[in-house]
Amino acid sequence: MNRLTSWYQGLQPRERRMVTLGAGALAVLLLLGGVLLPLQSALSSARQRAEIRRDDLEWMRRNAPLVAAGAALLPADTGEPPVVLVDRVAREAGLGGALRGTQPSGAGVRVQLEAAPFDTLVSWLATLEQRYGLGIESVTVDRTAAPGLVNASVTFNQAGH
């Protein structure tokens, strides 16, 4: 440090002013580039993140009723084996007289129906898929001599299988 001071003292007054001004300019540049610009950038990023989060919160508040209503549409877990579930829901739908067989088939269930009302069959299939999460793997429907009645073979699989 003594060496620097003696060098500075050895300069002409005009040179000292130039060195002092240069050192001051360098200090200002270092302050701006090393402290203030990164601080301003961090502050700008924080404001942007806060605005995005505010927008997200507003969206969530606006759509909370829809999300809550959607939770009610999730498949019900009755705890029943698929064979029992399919048979029970078929009888509740009014297809008990048309049921000719219900048997396990891999991870799903195979059902045979004879002389089933077509509209009731479609409603039953929709109920099992939407309310209980049973997917339809395959369906074979044949018409009968009686109008509106069909013979059907349906194979269901559990969601995710």
C-alpha atoms as a PDB file:
ATOM      1  CA  MET A   1       0.000   0.000   0.000  1.00  0.00           C
ATOM      2  CA  ASN A   2       2.957   2.332   0.767  1.00  0.00           C
ATOM      3  CA  ARG A   3       4.277   1.709  -2.701  1.00  0.00           C
ATOM      4  CA  LEU A   4       0.955   2.752  -4.238  1.00  0.00           C
ATOM      5  CA  THR A   5       0.791   5.877  -2.079  1.00  0.00           C
ATOM      6  CA  SER A   6       4.339   6.911  -2.979  1.00  0.00           C
ATOM      7  CA  TRP A   7       3.609   6.312  -6.680  1.00  0.00           C
ATOM      8  CA  TYR A   8       0.478   8.458  -6.397  1.00  0.00           C
ATOM      9  CA  GLN A   9       2.380  11.232  -4.583  1.00  0.00           C
ATOM     10  CA  GLY A  10       5.022  11.168  -7.317  1.00  0.00           C
ATOM     11  CA  LEU A  11       2.466  12.127  -9.979  1.00  0.00           C
ATOM     12  CA  GLN A  12       1.906  15.646 -11.256  1.00  0.00           C
ATOM     13  CA  PRO A  13      -1.261  17.378  -9.909  1.00  0.00           C
ATOM     14  CA  ARG A  14      -2.953  17.021 -13.291  1.00  0.00           C
ATOM     15  CA  GLU A  15      -2.116  13.286 -13.424  1.00  0.00           C
ATOM     16  CA  ARG A  16      -3.411  12.821  -9.853  1.00  0.00           C
ATOM     17  CA  ARG A  17      -6.745  14.382 -10.876  1.00  0.00           C
ATOM     18  CA  MET A  18      -6.975  12.006 -13.856  1.00  0.00           C
ATOM     19  CA  VAL A  19      -6.142   8.946 -11.712  1.00  0.00           C
ATOM     20  CA  THR A  20      -8.675  10.067  -9.073  1.00  0.00           C
ATOM     21  CA  LEU A  21     -11.382  10.602 -11.705  1.00  0.00           C
ATOM     22  CA  GLY A  22     -10.546   7.261 -13.338  1.00  0.00           C
ATOM     23  CA  ALA A  23     -10.684   5.451  -9.969  1.00  0.00           C
ATOM     24  CA  GLY A  24     -14.014   7.130  -9.205  1.00  0.00           C
ATOM     25  CA  ALA A  25     -15.427   6.120 -12.614  1.00  0.00           C
ATOM     26  CA  LEU A  26     -14.179   2.556 -12.097  1.00  0.00           C
ATOM     27  CA  ALA A  27     -15.794   2.439  -8.650  1.00  0.00           C
ATOM     28  CA  VAL A  28     -19.112   3.653 -10.117  1.00  0.00           C
ATOM     29  CA  LEU A  29     -18.941   1.056 -12.917  1.00  0.00           C
ATOM     30  CA  LEU A  30     -18.158  -1.718 -10.450  1.00  0.00           C
ATOM     31  CA  LEU A  31     -21.026  -0.607  -8.225  1.00  0.00           C
ATOM     32  CA  LEU A  32     -23.456  -0.497 -11.154  1.00  0.00           C
ATOM     33  CA  GLY A  33     -22.301  -3.678 -12.876  1.00  0.00           C
ATOM     34  CA  GLY A  34     -21.550  -5.740  -9.803  1.00  0.00           C
ATOM     35  CA  VAL A  35     -24.308  -4.724  -7.415  1.00  0.00           C
ATOM     36  CA  LEU A  36     -27.110  -2.597  -8.795  1.00  0.00           C
ATOM     37  CA  LEU A  37     -27.760  -4.365 -12.132  1.00  0.00           C
ATOM     38  CA  PRO A  38     -27.942  -7.876 -10.613  1.00  0.00           C
ATOM     39  CA  LEU A  39     -30.116  -6.499  -7.815  1.00  0.00           C
ATOM     40  CA  GLN A  40     -32.453  -4.842 -10.327  1.00  0.00           C
ATOM     41  CA  SER A  41     -32.620  -8.053 -12.375  1.00  0.00           C
ATOM     42  CA  ALA A  42     -33.455 -10.145  -9.314  1.00  0.00           C
ATOM     43  CA  LEU A  43     -36.128  -7.656  -8.291  1.00  0.00           C
ATOM     44  CA  SER A  44     -37.663  -7.709 -11.781  1.00  0.00           C
ATOM     45  CA  SER A  45     -37.723 -11.526 -11.776  1.00  0.00           C
ATOM     46  CA  ALA A  46     -39.348 -11.589  -8.347  1.00  0.00           C
ATOM     47  CA  ARG A  47     -42.048  -9.162  -9.494  1.00  0.00           C
ATOM     48  CA  GLN A  48     -42.727 -11.270 -12.573  1.00  0.00           C
ATOM     49  CA  ARG A  49     -42.991 -14.474 -10.507  1.00  0.00           C
ATOM     50  CA  ALA A  50     -45.339 -12.750  -8.059  1.00  0.00           C
ATOM     51  CA  GLU A  51     -47.562 -11.570 -10.909  1.00  0.00           C
ATOM     52  CA  ILE A  52     -47.683 -15.065 -12.415  1.00  0.00           C
ATOM     53  CA  ARG A  53     -48.591 -16.531  -9.024  1.00  0.00           C
ATOM     54  CA  ARG A  54     -51.279 -13.871  -8.560  1.00  0.00           C
ATOM     55  CA  ASP A  55     -52.737 -14.787 -11.961  1.00  0.00           C
ATOM     56  CA  ASP A  56     -52.600 -18.489 -11.060  1.00  0.00           C
ATOM     57  CA  LEU A  57     -54.360 -17.831  -7.756  1.00  0.00           C
ATOM     58  CA  GLU A  58     -57.058 -15.815  -9.504  1.00  0.00           C
ATOM     59  CA  TRP A  59     -57.558 -18.667 -12.010  1.00  0.00           C
ATOM     60  CA  MET A  60     -57.764 -21.205  -9.188  1.00  0.00           C
ATOM     61  CA  ARG A  61     -60.351 -19.162  -7.319  1.00  0.00           C
ATOM     62  CA  ARG A  62     -62.400 -18.714 -10.495  1.00  0.00           C
ATOM     63  CA  ASN A  63     -62.252 -22.410 -11.379  1.00  0.00           C
ATOM     64  CA  ALA A  64     -62.511 -23.952  -7.896  1.00  0.00           C
ATOM     65  CA  PRO A  65     -66.224 -24.797  -8.351  1.00  0.00           C
ATOM     66  CA  LEU A  66     -65.453 -26.594 -11.618  1.00  0.00           C
ATOM     67  CA  VAL A  67     -62.632 -28.559 -10.038  1.00  0.00           C
ATOM     68  CA  ALA A  68     -64.847 -29.505  -7.080  1.00  0.00           C
ATOM     69  CA  ALA A  69     -67.603 -30.590  -9.464  1.00  0.00           C
ATOM     70  CA  GLY A  70     -65.074 -32.641 -11.414  1.00  0.00           C
ATOM     71  CA  ALA A  71     -64.074 -34.523  -8.269  1.00  0.00           C
ATOM     72  CA  ALA A  72     -67.641 -35.751  -8.017  1.00  0.00           C
ATOM     73  CA  LEU A  73     -67.257 -37.259 -11.493  1.00  0.00           C
ATOM     74  CA  LEU A  74     -64.354 -39.511 -10.519  1.00  0.00           C
ATOM     75  CA  PRO A  75     -65.150 -43.208 -10.648  1.00  0.00           C
ATOM     76  CA  ALA A  76     -66.616 -44.560  -7.420  1.00  0.00           C
ATOM     77  CA  ASP A  77     -64.595 -47.231  -5.638  1.00  0.00           C
ATOM     78  CA  THR A  78     -67.136 -49.598  -4.158  1.00  0.00           C
ATOM     79  CA  GLY A  79     -64.566 -52.183  -3.131  1.00  0.00           C
ATOM     80  CA  GLU A  80     -66.611 -54.838  -4.953  1.00  0.00           C
ATOM     81  CA  PRO A  81     -64.930 -57.225  -7.374  1.00  0.00           C
ATOM     82  CA  PRO A  82     -65.694 -56.262 -10.974  1.00  0.00           C
ATOM     83  CA  VAL A  83     -67.804 -59.410 -11.516  1.00  0.00           C
ATOM     84  CA  VAL A  84     -70.087 -58.512  -8.605  1.00  0.00           C
ATOM     85  CA  LEU A  85     -70.199 -54.836  -9.567  1.00  0.00           C
ATOM     86  CA  VAL A  86     -71.184 -55.519 -13.189  1.00  0.00           C
ATOM     87  CA  ASP A  87     -73.896 -57.976 -12.129  1.00  0.00           C
ATOM     88  CA  ARG A  88     -75.324 -55.651  -9.457  1.00  0.00           C
ATOM     89  CA  VAL A  89     -75.415 -52.593 -11.696  1.00  0.00           C
ATOM     90  CA  ALA A  90     -77.013 -54.648 -14.512  1.00  0.00           C
ATOM     91  CA  ARG A  91     -79.813 -55.739 -12.177  1.00  0.00           C
ATOM     92  CA  GLU A  92     -80.269 -52.168 -10.897  1.00  0.00           C
ATOM     93  CA  ALA A  93     -80.545 -50.975 -14.515  1.00  0.00           C
ATOM     94  CA  GLY A  94     -83.278 -53.504 -15.244  1.00  0.00           C
ATOM     95  CA  LEU A  95     -81.144 -55.958 -17.193  1.00  0.00           C
ATOM     96  CA  GLY A  96     -81.402 -58.804 -14.661  1.00  0.00           C
ATOM     97  CA  GLY A  97     -83.749 -60.815 -16.907  1.00  0.00           C
ATOM     98  CA  ALA A  98     -81.407 -60.452 -19.867  1.00  0.00           C
ATOM     99  CA  LEU A  99     -78.246 -61.587 -18.032  1.00  0.00           C
ATOM    100  CA  ARG A 100     -77.105 -65.021 -19.216  1.00  0.00           C
ATOM    101  CA  GLY A 101     -73.630 -65.079 -17.757  1.00  0.00           C
ATOM    102  CA  THR A 102     -71.067 -63.002 -15.930  1.00  0.00           C
ATOM    103  CA  GLN A 103     -67.536 -64.347 -15.599  1.00  0.00           C
ATOM    104  CA  PRO A 104     -64.066 -63.029 -14.847  1.00  0.00           C
ATOM    105  CA  SER A 105     -61.861 -62.508 -17.895  1.00  0.00           C
ATOM    106  CA  GLY A 106     -58.250 -61.666 -17.057  1.00  0.00           C
ATOM    107  CA  ALA A 107     -58.295 -58.289 -15.277  1.00  0.00           C
ATOM    108  CA  GLY A 108     -61.870 -57.663 -16.358  1.00  0.00           C
ATOM    109  CA  VAL A 109     -65.299 -59.225 -16.743  1.00  0.00           C
ATOM    110  CA  ARG A 110     -67.189 -60.799 -19.640  1.00  0.00           C
ATOM    111  CA  VAL A 111     -70.983 -60.509 -19.721  1.00  0.00           C
ATOM    112  CA  GLN A 112     -73.550 -62.229 -21.962  1.00  0.00           C
ATOM    113  CA  LEU A 113     -77.010 -60.671 -22.415  1.00  0.00           C
ATOM    114  CA  GLU A 114     -79.996 -61.951 -24.391  1.00  0.00           C
ATOM    115  CA  ALA A 115     -83.027 -59.945 -25.443  1.00  0.00           C
ATOM    116  CA  ALA A 116     -81.801 -56.841 -23.647  1.00  0.00           C
ATOM    117  CA  PRO A 117     -83.440 -53.481 -24.390  1.00  0.00           C
ATOM    118  CA  PHE A 118     -80.845 -51.601 -26.470  1.00  0.00           C
ATOM    119  CA  ASP A 119     -81.399 -48.216 -24.791  1.00  0.00           C
ATOM    120  CA  THR A 120     -81.053 -49.776 -21.335  1.00  0.00           C
ATOM    121  CA  LEU A 121     -77.900 -51.602 -22.441  1.00  0.00           C
ATOM    122  CA  VAL A 122     -76.274 -48.367 -23.644  1.00  0.00           C
ATOM    123  CA  SER A 123     -77.208 -46.568 -20.426  1.00  0.00           C
ATOM    124  CA  TRP A 124     -75.807 -49.457 -18.363  1.00  0.00           C
ATOM    125  CA  LEU A 125     -72.521 -49.387 -20.303  1.00  0.00           C
ATOM    126  CA  ALA A 126     -72.211 -45.629 -19.772  1.00  0.00           C
ATOM    127  CA  THR A 127     -72.902 -45.974 -16.027  1.00  0.00           C
ATOM    128  CA  LEU A 128     -70.235 -48.641 -15.594  1.00  0.00           C
ATOM    129  CA  GLU A 129     -67.673 -46.601 -17.471  1.00  0.00           C
ATOM    130  CA  GLN A 130     -68.411 -43.141 -16.069  1.00  0.00           C
ATOM    131  CA  ARG A 131     -69.449 -43.890 -12.505  1.00  0.00           C
ATOM    132  CA  TYR A 132     -67.390 -46.992 -11.742  1.00  0.00           C
ATOM    133  CA  GLY A 133     -64.384 -46.632 -14.073  1.00  0.00           C
ATOM    134  CA  LEU A 134     -64.843 -49.899 -15.960  1.00  0.00           C
ATOM    135  CA  GLY A 135     -63.606 -49.519 -19.529  1.00  0.00           C
ATOM    136  CA  ILE A 136     -65.193 -51.384 -22.407  1.00  0.00           C
ATOM    137  CA  GLU A 137     -62.643 -53.658 -24.017  1.00  0.00           C
ATOM    138  CA  SER A 138     -64.996 -55.170 -26.605  1.00  0.00           C
ATOM    139  CA  VAL A 139     -68.693 -55.242 -27.448  1.00  0.00           C
ATOM    140  CA  THR A 140     -70.613 -57.458 -29.824  1.00  0.00           C
ATOM    141  CA  VAL A 141     -74.267 -56.565 -30.372  1.00  0.00           C
ATOM    142  CA  ASP A 142     -76.695 -58.583 -32.514  1.00  0.00           C
ATOM    143  CA  ARG A 143     -80.283 -57.616 -33.187  1.00  0.00           C
ATOM    144  CA  THR A 144     -83.111 -59.994 -32.355  1.00  0.00           C
ATOM    145  CA  ALA A 145     -86.454 -60.558 -34.066  1.00  0.00           C
ATOM    146  CA  ALA A 146     -88.134 -58.240 -31.527  1.00  0.00           C
ATOM    147  CA  PRO A 147     -87.645 -54.499 -32.220  1.00  0.00           C
ATOM    148  CA  GLY A 148     -85.438 -52.679 -29.698  1.00  0.00           C
ATOM    149  CA  LEU A 149     -84.022 -55.881 -28.179  1.00  0.00           C
ATOM    150  CA  VAL A 150     -80.468 -57.125 -28.734  1.00  0.00           C
ATOM    151  CA  ASN A 151     -78.168 -59.949 -27.761  1.00  0.00           C
ATOM    152  CA  ALA A 152     -74.797 -58.679 -26.557  1.00  0.00           C
ATOM    153  CA  SER A 153     -71.435 -59.851 -25.360  1.00  0.00           C
ATOM    154  CA  VAL A 154     -69.416 -57.250 -23.473  1.00  0.00           C
ATOM    155  CA  THR A 155     -65.908 -57.473 -22.047  1.00  0.00           C
ATOM    156  CA  PHE A 156     -64.950 -54.834 -19.468  1.00  0.00           C
ATOM    157  CA  ASN A 157     -61.531 -54.010 -18.099  1.00  0.00           C
ATOM    158  CA  GLN A 158     -60.684 -51.983 -15.030  1.00  0.00           C
ATOM    159  CA  ALA A 159     -59.214 -48.527 -15.657  1.00  0.00           C
ATOM    160  CA  GLY A 160     -55.445 -48.726 -15.898  1.00  0.00           C
ATOM    161  CA  HIS A 161     -55.423 -52.375 -17.079  1.00  0.00           C
END
